[in-house]
Amino acid sequence: MNIKIPSIVLLLISAGPLAAGVYPQAGIEYYSGSNSLALLTPWVAARFSLAQGMSLIFKYYDHNMRYDYQGYDEAAEEFVNLQRKTHTSNLTTVLYAQKGKWTGYAAVSFMFGTDGYRATAFDGGLGFALTPKLTVEAGVYLLREDSVLWFPEDPVRKINLYSVKANIKYKILPWLTLNPNIYLYRNSEDVEAVSWSAGIILTPFSPLAVTAYYFKYSESAQYKFSGDYLSVGLNLYF
């Protein structure tokens, strides 16, 4: 896969605060699973401290994806397995706030990539610390895309996706957090899906955070991506 920003990631990894109240962030995430899916995403960000407990974050994600799908071979008059590679750029702005036991965020993303892919997304949520070790979070995710991403041989489809999500973060040790999640989806084509995950967050020292998750995903339509997924991440949060 072609990764376009490794030098930027390495620069931010070695950096501290860029200026008073400005902090770099960076990371790399990898997903694999059903239909030989492989998704590699390096990302970089700058966090601006606006006030006590409030930050504005500008992020860039570089999504590099490969997966198998079924295409129709007219000569053979049968479906055959094909491989597709895509690249998507993702520009995201996040407003994050924390006060007392409450946390909240709102993020807007603009995405563009292979074959004229275009999408706009909103992601928002609230969290509440029930105890020093236990936090519950809930939120929504909304997506509007013009895409041939999942059906490369079909015309461009305009799809709206609506999702609600919830998770728990339980701090087993000061450097180890358990993080189960559940996601419910529905799109404008009346397809429903559910996904749940179980993962851990390791924070052996600041600013490093290492994540590992197992996902189970299923859909009501006969799509090709229901199945099991794994992800790992190496992230730096200054």
C-alpha atoms as a PDB file:
ATOM      1  CA  MET A   1       0.000   0.000   0.000  1.00  0.00           C
ATOM      2  CA  ASN A   2       1.178   3.521  -0.817  1.00  0.00           C
ATOM      3  CA  ILE A   3       1.559   5.619   2.335  1.00  0.00           C
ATOM      4  CA  LYS A   4       2.138   9.280   1.581  1.00  0.00           C
ATOM      5  CA  ILE A   5       3.029  10.815   4.940  1.00  0.00           C
ATOM      6  CA  PRO A   6       5.560   8.708   6.862  1.00  0.00           C
ATOM      7  CA  SER A   7       8.024  11.596   7.230  1.00  0.00           C
ATOM      8  CA  ILE A   8       5.344  13.775   8.843  1.00  0.00           C
ATOM      9  CA  VAL A   9       4.410  11.003  11.271  1.00  0.00           C
ATOM     10  CA  LEU A  10       8.060  10.525  12.263  1.00  0.00           C
ATOM     11  CA  LEU A  11       8.496  14.268  12.751  1.00  0.00           C
ATOM     12  CA  LEU A  12       5.489  14.483  15.080  1.00  0.00           C
ATOM     13  CA  ILE A  13       6.541  11.382  16.987  1.00  0.00           C
ATOM     14  CA  SER A  14       9.775  13.132  17.944  1.00  0.00           C
ATOM     15  CA  ALA A  15       8.114  16.471  18.651  1.00  0.00           C
ATOM     16  CA  GLY A  16       6.759  18.024  21.796  1.00  0.00           C
ATOM     17  CA  PRO A  17       4.473  21.060  21.948  1.00  0.00           C
ATOM     18  CA  LEU A  18       4.700  23.059  18.692  1.00  0.00           C
ATOM     19  CA  ALA A  19       4.019  26.336  20.511  1.00  0.00           C
ATOM     20  CA  ALA A  20       2.273  27.550  23.640  1.00  0.00           C
ATOM     21  CA  GLY A  21      -1.093  25.804  23.660  1.00  0.00           C
ATOM     22  CA  VAL A  22      -0.442  23.850  20.413  1.00  0.00           C
ATOM     23  CA  TYR A  23       0.314  20.135  20.610  1.00  0.00           C
ATOM     24  CA  PRO A  24       1.065  17.558  17.870  1.00  0.00           C
ATOM     25  CA  GLN A  25      -0.633  14.183  17.649  1.00  0.00           C
ATOM     26  CA  ALA A  26       0.071  11.241  15.350  1.00  0.00           C
ATOM     27  CA  GLY A  27      -0.507   7.554  14.905  1.00  0.00           C
ATOM     28  CA  ILE A  28      -0.972   4.582  12.653  1.00  0.00           C
ATOM     29  CA  GLU A  29      -3.861   2.073  12.671  1.00  0.00           C
ATOM     30  CA  TYR A  30      -4.348  -1.243  10.896  1.00  0.00           C
ATOM     31  CA  TYR A  31      -7.564  -3.228  10.316  1.00  0.00           C
ATOM     32  CA  SER A  32      -7.970  -6.686   8.788  1.00  0.00           C
ATOM     33  CA  GLY A  33     -10.810  -9.139   8.385  1.00  0.00           C
ATOM     34  CA  SER A  34     -13.555 -10.449   6.132  1.00  0.00           C
ATOM     35  CA  ASN A  35     -12.922 -10.589   2.377  1.00  0.00           C
ATOM     36  CA  SER A  36      -9.179 -10.156   2.900  1.00  0.00           C
ATOM     37  CA  LEU A  37      -9.768  -6.583   4.020  1.00  0.00           C
ATOM     38  CA  ALA A  38      -6.583  -4.692   4.880  1.00  0.00           C
ATOM     39  CA  LEU A  39      -6.852  -1.032   5.910  1.00  0.00           C
ATOM     40  CA  LEU A  40      -3.751   0.942   6.874  1.00  0.00           C
ATOM     41  CA  THR A  41      -4.298   4.475   8.187  1.00  0.00           C
ATOM     42  CA  PRO A  42      -1.510   6.792   9.296  1.00  0.00           C
ATOM     43  CA  TRP A  43      -2.747  10.095  10.702  1.00  0.00           C
ATOM     44  CA  VAL A  44      -1.442  13.401  12.008  1.00  0.00           C
ATOM     45  CA  ALA A  45      -3.087  16.189  13.979  1.00  0.00           C
ATOM     46  CA  ALA A  46      -2.593  19.459  15.799  1.00  0.00           C
ATOM     47  CA  ARG A  47      -4.434  20.146  19.049  1.00  0.00           C
ATOM     48  CA  PHE A  48      -5.089  23.746  20.057  1.00  0.00           C
ATOM     49  CA  SER A  49      -5.859  24.378  23.726  1.00  0.00           C
ATOM     50  CA  LEU A  50      -8.697  26.931  23.775  1.00  0.00           C
ATOM     51  CA  ALA A  51      -9.361  27.071  27.512  1.00  0.00           C
ATOM     52  CA  GLN A  52      -9.159  24.836  30.549  1.00  0.00           C
ATOM     53  CA  GLY A  53     -10.704  21.517  29.542  1.00  0.00           C
ATOM     54  CA  MET A  54     -11.438  22.565  25.949  1.00  0.00           C
ATOM     55  CA  SER A  55      -9.486  21.854  22.749  1.00  0.00           C
ATOM     56  CA  LEU A  56      -9.858  22.234  18.995  1.00  0.00           C
ATOM     57  CA  ILE A  57      -8.174  19.487  16.956  1.00  0.00           C
ATOM     58  CA  PHE A  58      -7.411  19.399  13.237  1.00  0.00           C
ATOM     59  CA  LYS A  59      -6.715  15.893  11.868  1.00  0.00           C
ATOM     60  CA  TYR A  60      -5.642  14.337   8.579  1.00  0.00           C
ATOM     61  CA  TYR A  61      -6.181  10.600   7.978  1.00  0.00           C
ATOM     62  CA  ASP A  62      -4.652   8.758   5.013  1.00  0.00           C
ATOM     63  CA  HIS A  63      -6.771   5.607   4.432  1.00  0.00           C
ATOM     64  CA  ASN A  64      -5.188   2.894   2.254  1.00  0.00           C
ATOM     65  CA  MET A  65      -7.530  -0.058   1.731  1.00  0.00           C
ATOM     66  CA  ARG A  66      -7.440  -3.382  -0.094  1.00  0.00           C
ATOM     67  CA  TYR A  67     -10.221  -5.977  -0.219  1.00  0.00           C
ATOM     68  CA  ASP A  68     -11.701  -8.753  -2.355  1.00  0.00           C
ATOM     69  CA  TYR A  69     -15.135  -8.546  -3.962  1.00  0.00           C
ATOM     70  CA  GLN A  70     -17.212 -10.421  -6.493  1.00  0.00           C
ATOM     71  CA  GLY A  71     -17.442  -9.076 -10.035  1.00  0.00           C
ATOM     72  CA  TYR A  72     -19.298 -10.493 -13.024  1.00  0.00           C
ATOM     73  CA  ASP A  73     -17.211 -11.943 -15.851  1.00  0.00           C
ATOM     74  CA  GLU A  74     -19.348 -11.535 -18.975  1.00  0.00           C
ATOM     75  CA  ALA A  75     -17.155 -13.845 -21.038  1.00  0.00           C
ATOM     76  CA  ALA A  76     -17.399 -16.677 -18.536  1.00  0.00           C
ATOM     77  CA  GLU A  77     -20.936 -15.664 -17.526  1.00  0.00           C
ATOM     78  CA  GLU A  78     -20.175 -16.127 -13.848  1.00  0.00           C
ATOM     79  CA  PHE A  79     -19.112 -14.208 -10.773  1.00  0.00           C
ATOM     80  CA  VAL A  80     -15.382 -14.136 -10.053  1.00  0.00           C
ATOM     81  CA  ASN A  81     -13.306 -12.883  -7.115  1.00  0.00           C
ATOM     82  CA  LEU A  82     -11.508  -9.610  -7.768  1.00  0.00           C
ATOM     83  CA  GLN A  83      -9.259  -7.380  -5.677  1.00  0.00           C
ATOM     84  CA  ARG A  84      -9.746  -3.653  -5.220  1.00  0.00           C
ATOM     85  CA  LYS A  85      -7.364  -1.031  -3.857  1.00  0.00           C
ATOM     86  CA  THR A  86      -8.539   2.420  -2.777  1.00  0.00           C
ATOM     87  CA  HIS A  87      -7.121   5.559  -1.230  1.00  0.00           C
ATOM     88  CA  THR A  88      -9.151   8.094   0.754  1.00  0.00           C
ATOM     89  CA  SER A  89      -8.068  11.373   2.342  1.00  0.00           C
ATOM     90  CA  ASN A  90      -9.965  12.469   5.438  1.00  0.00           C
ATOM     91  CA  LEU A  91      -9.866  15.980   6.910  1.00  0.00           C
ATOM     92  CA  THR A  92     -11.481  16.167  10.357  1.00  0.00           C
ATOM     93  CA  THR A  93     -12.100  18.985  12.818  1.00  0.00           C
ATOM     94  CA  VAL A  94     -12.910  18.060  16.434  1.00  0.00           C
ATOM     95  CA  LEU A  95     -14.121  20.192  19.321  1.00  0.00           C
ATOM     96  CA  TYR A  96     -13.436  18.451  22.652  1.00  0.00           C
ATOM     97  CA  ALA A  97     -14.549  19.584  26.104  1.00  0.00           C
ATOM     98  CA  GLN A  98     -14.215  18.217  29.631  1.00  0.00           C
ATOM     99  CA  LYS A  99     -15.783  19.539  32.835  1.00  0.00           C
ATOM    100  CA  GLY A 100     -15.954  17.639  36.087  1.00  0.00           C
ATOM    101  CA  LYS A 101     -17.111  14.089  35.380  1.00  0.00           C
ATOM    102  CA  TRP A 102     -18.418  14.998  31.894  1.00  0.00           C
ATOM    103  CA  THR A 103     -16.650  14.853  28.537  1.00  0.00           C
ATOM    104  CA  GLY A 104     -18.012  15.663  25.110  1.00  0.00           C
ATOM    105  CA  TYR A 105     -16.890  16.016  21.526  1.00  0.00           C
ATOM    106  CA  ALA A 106     -18.233  16.970  18.107  1.00  0.00           C
ATOM    107  CA  ALA A 107     -16.370  16.226  14.880  1.00  0.00           C
ATOM    108  CA  VAL A 108     -16.991  17.047  11.218  1.00  0.00           C
ATOM    109  CA  SER A 109     -15.132  15.164   8.465  1.00  0.00           C
ATOM    110  CA  PHE A 110     -14.693  15.699   4.733  1.00  0.00           C
ATOM    111  CA  MET A 111     -13.443  12.738   2.695  1.00  0.00           C
ATOM    112  CA  PHE A 112     -12.395  12.307  -0.939  1.00  0.00           C
ATOM    113  CA  GLY A 113     -10.636   9.536  -2.798  1.00  0.00           C
ATOM    114  CA  THR A 114     -10.548   6.855  -5.487  1.00  0.00           C
ATOM    115  CA  ASP A 115     -13.078   7.014  -8.351  1.00  0.00           C
ATOM    116  CA  GLY A 116     -14.494  10.335  -7.230  1.00  0.00           C
ATOM    117  CA  TYR A 117     -15.416   9.154  -3.744  1.00  0.00           C
ATOM    118  CA  ARG A 118     -16.880  11.989  -1.676  1.00  0.00           C
ATOM    119  CA  ALA A 119     -18.310  11.928   1.841  1.00  0.00           C
ATOM    120  CA  THR A 120     -19.219  14.209   4.729  1.00  0.00           C
ATOM    121  CA  ALA A 121     -19.588  12.900   8.279  1.00  0.00           C
ATOM    122  CA  PHE A 122     -20.598  14.087  11.737  1.00  0.00           C
ATOM    123  CA  ASP A 123     -19.477  12.260  14.870  1.00  0.00           C
ATOM    124  CA  GLY A 124     -20.520  13.392  18.343  1.00  0.00           C
ATOM    125  CA  GLY A 125     -20.783  11.973  21.830  1.00  0.00           C
ATOM    126  CA  LEU A 126     -20.897  12.443  25.597  1.00  0.00           C
ATOM    127  CA  GLY A 127     -19.128  10.590  28.371  1.00  0.00           C
ATOM    128  CA  PHE A 128     -19.670  10.429  32.127  1.00  0.00           C
ATOM    129  CA  ALA A 129     -17.303   9.066  34.782  1.00  0.00           C
ATOM    130  CA  LEU A 130     -19.385   6.925  37.121  1.00  0.00           C
ATOM    131  CA  THR A 131     -16.311   6.179  39.242  1.00  0.00           C
ATOM    132  CA  PRO A 132     -12.606   6.986  38.913  1.00  0.00           C
ATOM    133  CA  LYS A 133     -12.236   3.666  37.077  1.00  0.00           C
ATOM    134  CA  LEU A 134     -15.490   3.438  35.093  1.00  0.00           C
ATOM    135  CA  THR A 135     -16.691   5.748  32.299  1.00  0.00           C
ATOM    136  CA  VAL A 136     -19.729   5.302  30.049  1.00  0.00           C
ATOM    137  CA  GLU A 137     -20.022   6.991  26.652  1.00  0.00           C
ATOM    138  CA  ALA A 138     -22.722   7.289  23.982  1.00  0.00           C
ATOM    139  CA  GLY A 139     -22.952   9.099  20.679  1.00  0.00           C
ATOM    140  CA  VAL A 140     -24.135   9.324  17.082  1.00  0.00           C
ATOM    141  CA  TYR A 141     -22.431   9.027  13.692  1.00  0.00           C
ATOM    142  CA  LEU A 142     -23.962  10.408  10.476  1.00  0.00           C
ATOM    143  CA  LEU A 143     -22.493   9.913   6.996  1.00  0.00           C
ATOM    144  CA  ARG A 144     -23.426  11.155   3.526  1.00  0.00           C
ATOM    145  CA  GLU A 145     -21.416   9.598   0.696  1.00  0.00           C
ATOM    146  CA  ASP A 146     -21.299   9.532  -3.105  1.00  0.00           C
ATOM    147  CA  SER A 147     -19.627   6.200  -3.628  1.00  0.00           C
ATOM    148  CA  VAL A 148     -18.702   3.219  -5.744  1.00  0.00           C
ATOM    149  CA  LEU A 149     -16.419   2.114  -2.915  1.00  0.00           C
ATOM    150  CA  TRP A 150     -18.157  -1.166  -2.081  1.00  0.00           C
ATOM    151  CA  PHE A 151     -19.680  -1.878  -5.509  1.00  0.00           C
ATOM    152  CA  PRO A 152     -16.988  -0.807  -8.024  1.00  0.00           C
ATOM    153  CA  GLU A 153     -18.878  -2.006 -11.095  1.00  0.00           C
ATOM    154  CA  ASP A 154     -22.158  -0.227 -10.226  1.00  0.00           C
ATOM    155  CA  PRO A 155     -23.082   3.430 -10.830  1.00  0.00           C
ATOM    156  CA  VAL A 156     -22.296   5.990  -8.127  1.00  0.00           C
ATOM    157  CA  ARG A 157     -24.733   5.659  -5.238  1.00  0.00           C
ATOM    158  CA  LYS A 158     -25.723   8.465  -2.859  1.00  0.00           C
ATOM    159  CA  ILE A 159     -26.099   6.912   0.582  1.00  0.00           C
ATOM    160  CA  ASN A 160     -26.985   8.291   4.009  1.00  0.00           C
ATOM    161  CA  LEU A 161     -25.841   6.310   7.045  1.00  0.00           C
ATOM    162  CA  TYR A 162     -27.237   6.777  10.556  1.00  0.00           C
ATOM    163  CA  SER A 163     -25.589   5.194  13.582  1.00  0.00           C
ATOM    164  CA  VAL A 164     -25.838   5.208  17.365  1.00  0.00           C
ATOM    165  CA  LYS A 165     -23.062   3.858  19.542  1.00  0.00           C
ATOM    166  CA  ALA A 166     -22.139   3.248  23.163  1.00  0.00           C
ATOM    167  CA  ASN A 167     -19.108   2.012  25.052  1.00  0.00           C
ATOM    168  CA  ILE A 168     -17.653   1.454  28.486  1.00  0.00           C
ATOM    169  CA  LYS A 169     -14.114   2.202  29.592  1.00  0.00           C
ATOM    170  CA  TYR A 170     -12.984   0.342  32.694  1.00  0.00           C
ATOM    171  CA  LYS A 171      -9.513   1.024  34.029  1.00  0.00           C
ATOM    172  CA  ILE A 172      -8.199  -2.330  35.228  1.00  0.00           C
ATOM    173  CA  LEU A 173      -4.765  -0.913  35.981  1.00  0.00           C
ATOM    174  CA  PRO A 174      -3.413   2.642  35.732  1.00  0.00           C
ATOM    175  CA  TRP A 175      -1.957   1.737  32.311  1.00  0.00           C
ATOM    176  CA  LEU A 176      -4.597  -0.795  31.109  1.00  0.00           C
ATOM    177  CA  THR A 177      -8.207  -0.005  30.124  1.00  0.00           C
ATOM    178  CA  LEU A 178     -10.891  -2.433  28.937  1.00  0.00           C
ATOM    179  CA  ASN A 179     -13.135  -0.923  26.231  1.00  0.00           C
ATOM    180  CA  PRO A 180     -16.199  -2.848  24.914  1.00  0.00           C
ATOM    181  CA  ASN A 181     -18.325  -1.083  22.253  1.00  0.00           C
ATOM    182  CA  ILE A 182     -21.619  -1.553  20.416  1.00  0.00           C
ATOM    183  CA  TYR A 183     -22.773   0.153  17.199  1.00  0.00           C
ATOM    184  CA  LEU A 184     -26.187   0.105  15.509  1.00  0.00           C
ATOM    185  CA  TYR A 185     -26.483   1.211  11.876  1.00  0.00           C
ATOM    186  CA  ARG A 186     -29.174   1.959   9.327  1.00  0.00           C
ATOM    187  CA  ASN A 187     -28.785   3.528   5.892  1.00  0.00           C
ATOM    188  CA  SER A 188     -31.035   5.182   3.319  1.00  0.00           C
ATOM    189  CA  GLU A 189     -31.359   1.871   1.445  1.00  0.00           C
ATOM    190  CA  ASP A 190     -33.006   0.308   4.532  1.00  0.00           C
ATOM    191  CA  VAL A 191     -29.991  -1.843   5.306  1.00  0.00           C
ATOM    192  CA  GLU A 192     -29.497  -2.459   9.022  1.00  0.00           C
ATOM    193  CA  ALA A 193     -26.296  -3.571  10.698  1.00  0.00           C
ATOM    194  CA  VAL A 194     -24.902  -4.202  14.145  1.00  0.00           C
ATOM    195  CA  SER A 195     -21.323  -4.349  15.314  1.00  0.00           C
ATOM    196  CA  TRP A 196     -19.754  -4.984  18.667  1.00  0.00           C
ATOM    197  CA  SER A 197     -16.156  -4.950  19.730  1.00  0.00           C
ATOM    198  CA  ALA A 198     -13.970  -5.764  22.696  1.00  0.00           C
ATOM    199  CA  GLY A 199     -10.613  -4.106  23.093  1.00  0.00           C
ATOM    200  CA  ILE A 200      -7.857  -2.884  25.336  1.00  0.00           C
ATOM    201  CA  ILE A 201      -6.052   0.443  25.573  1.00  0.00           C
ATOM    202  CA  LEU A 202      -2.463   0.362  26.843  1.00  0.00           C
ATOM    203  CA  THR A 203      -0.900   3.605  28.092  1.00  0.00           C
ATOM    204  CA  PRO A 204       2.504   2.534  29.457  1.00  0.00           C
ATOM    205  CA  PHE A 205       3.749   6.132  29.431  1.00  0.00           C
ATOM    206  CA  SER A 206       2.653   9.524  28.129  1.00  0.00           C
ATOM    207  CA  PRO A 207       1.987  10.318  25.289  1.00  0.00           C
ATOM    208  CA  LEU A 208       1.842   6.715  23.963  1.00  0.00           C
ATOM    209  CA  ALA A 209      -1.437   4.784  23.584  1.00  0.00           C
ATOM    210  CA  VAL A 210      -1.543   1.290  22.079  1.00  0.00           C
ATOM    211  CA  THR A 211      -4.918  -0.208  21.128  1.00  0.00           C
ATOM    212  CA  ALA A 212      -6.082  -3.683  20.089  1.00  0.00           C
ATOM    213  CA  TYR A 213      -9.679  -4.653  19.215  1.00  0.00           C
ATOM    214  CA  TYR A 214     -11.750  -7.566  17.987  1.00  0.00           C
ATOM    215  CA  PHE A 215     -14.901  -6.646  15.990  1.00  0.00           C
ATOM    216  CA  LYS A 216     -17.934  -8.708  14.998  1.00  0.00           C
ATOM    217  CA  TYR A 217     -20.007  -7.147  12.203  1.00  0.00           C
ATOM    218  CA  SER A 218     -23.261  -8.315  10.596  1.00  0.00           C
ATOM    219  CA  GLU A 219     -25.720  -6.810   8.093  1.00  0.00           C
ATOM    220  CA  SER A 220     -29.319  -7.450   7.089  1.00  0.00           C
ATOM    221  CA  ALA A 221     -28.432  -7.234   3.379  1.00  0.00           C
ATOM    222  CA  GLN A 222     -26.433  -9.854   1.505  1.00  0.00           C
ATOM    223  CA  TYR A 223     -23.312  -7.721   1.455  1.00  0.00           C
ATOM    224  CA  LYS A 224     -19.854  -9.226   1.575  1.00  0.00           C
ATOM    225  CA  PHE A 225     -18.467  -7.657   4.713  1.00  0.00           C
ATOM    226  CA  SER A 226     -20.233  -9.405   7.563  1.00  0.00           C
ATOM    227  CA  GLY A 227     -17.621 -11.191   9.603  1.00  0.00           C
ATOM    228  CA  ASP A 228     -14.769 -10.884  12.082  1.00  0.00           C
ATOM    229  CA  TYR A 229     -12.209  -8.082  12.200  1.00  0.00           C
ATOM    230  CA  LEU A 230      -9.083  -7.194  14.158  1.00  0.00           C
ATOM    231  CA  SER A 231      -7.439  -3.819  14.610  1.00  0.00           C
ATOM    232  CA  VAL A 232      -4.280  -2.511  16.243  1.00  0.00           C
ATOM    233  CA  GLY A 233      -3.135   1.067  16.702  1.00  0.00           C
ATOM    234  CA  LEU A 234      -0.079   2.991  17.848  1.00  0.00           C
ATOM    235  CA  ASN A 235      -0.969   6.569  18.756  1.00  0.00           C
ATOM    236  CA  LEU A 236       0.637   9.602  20.368  1.00  0.00           C
ATOM    237  CA  TYR A 237      -1.541  12.146  22.188  1.00  0.00           C
ATOM    238  CA  PHE A 238       0.255  15.248  23.473  1.00  0.00           C
END
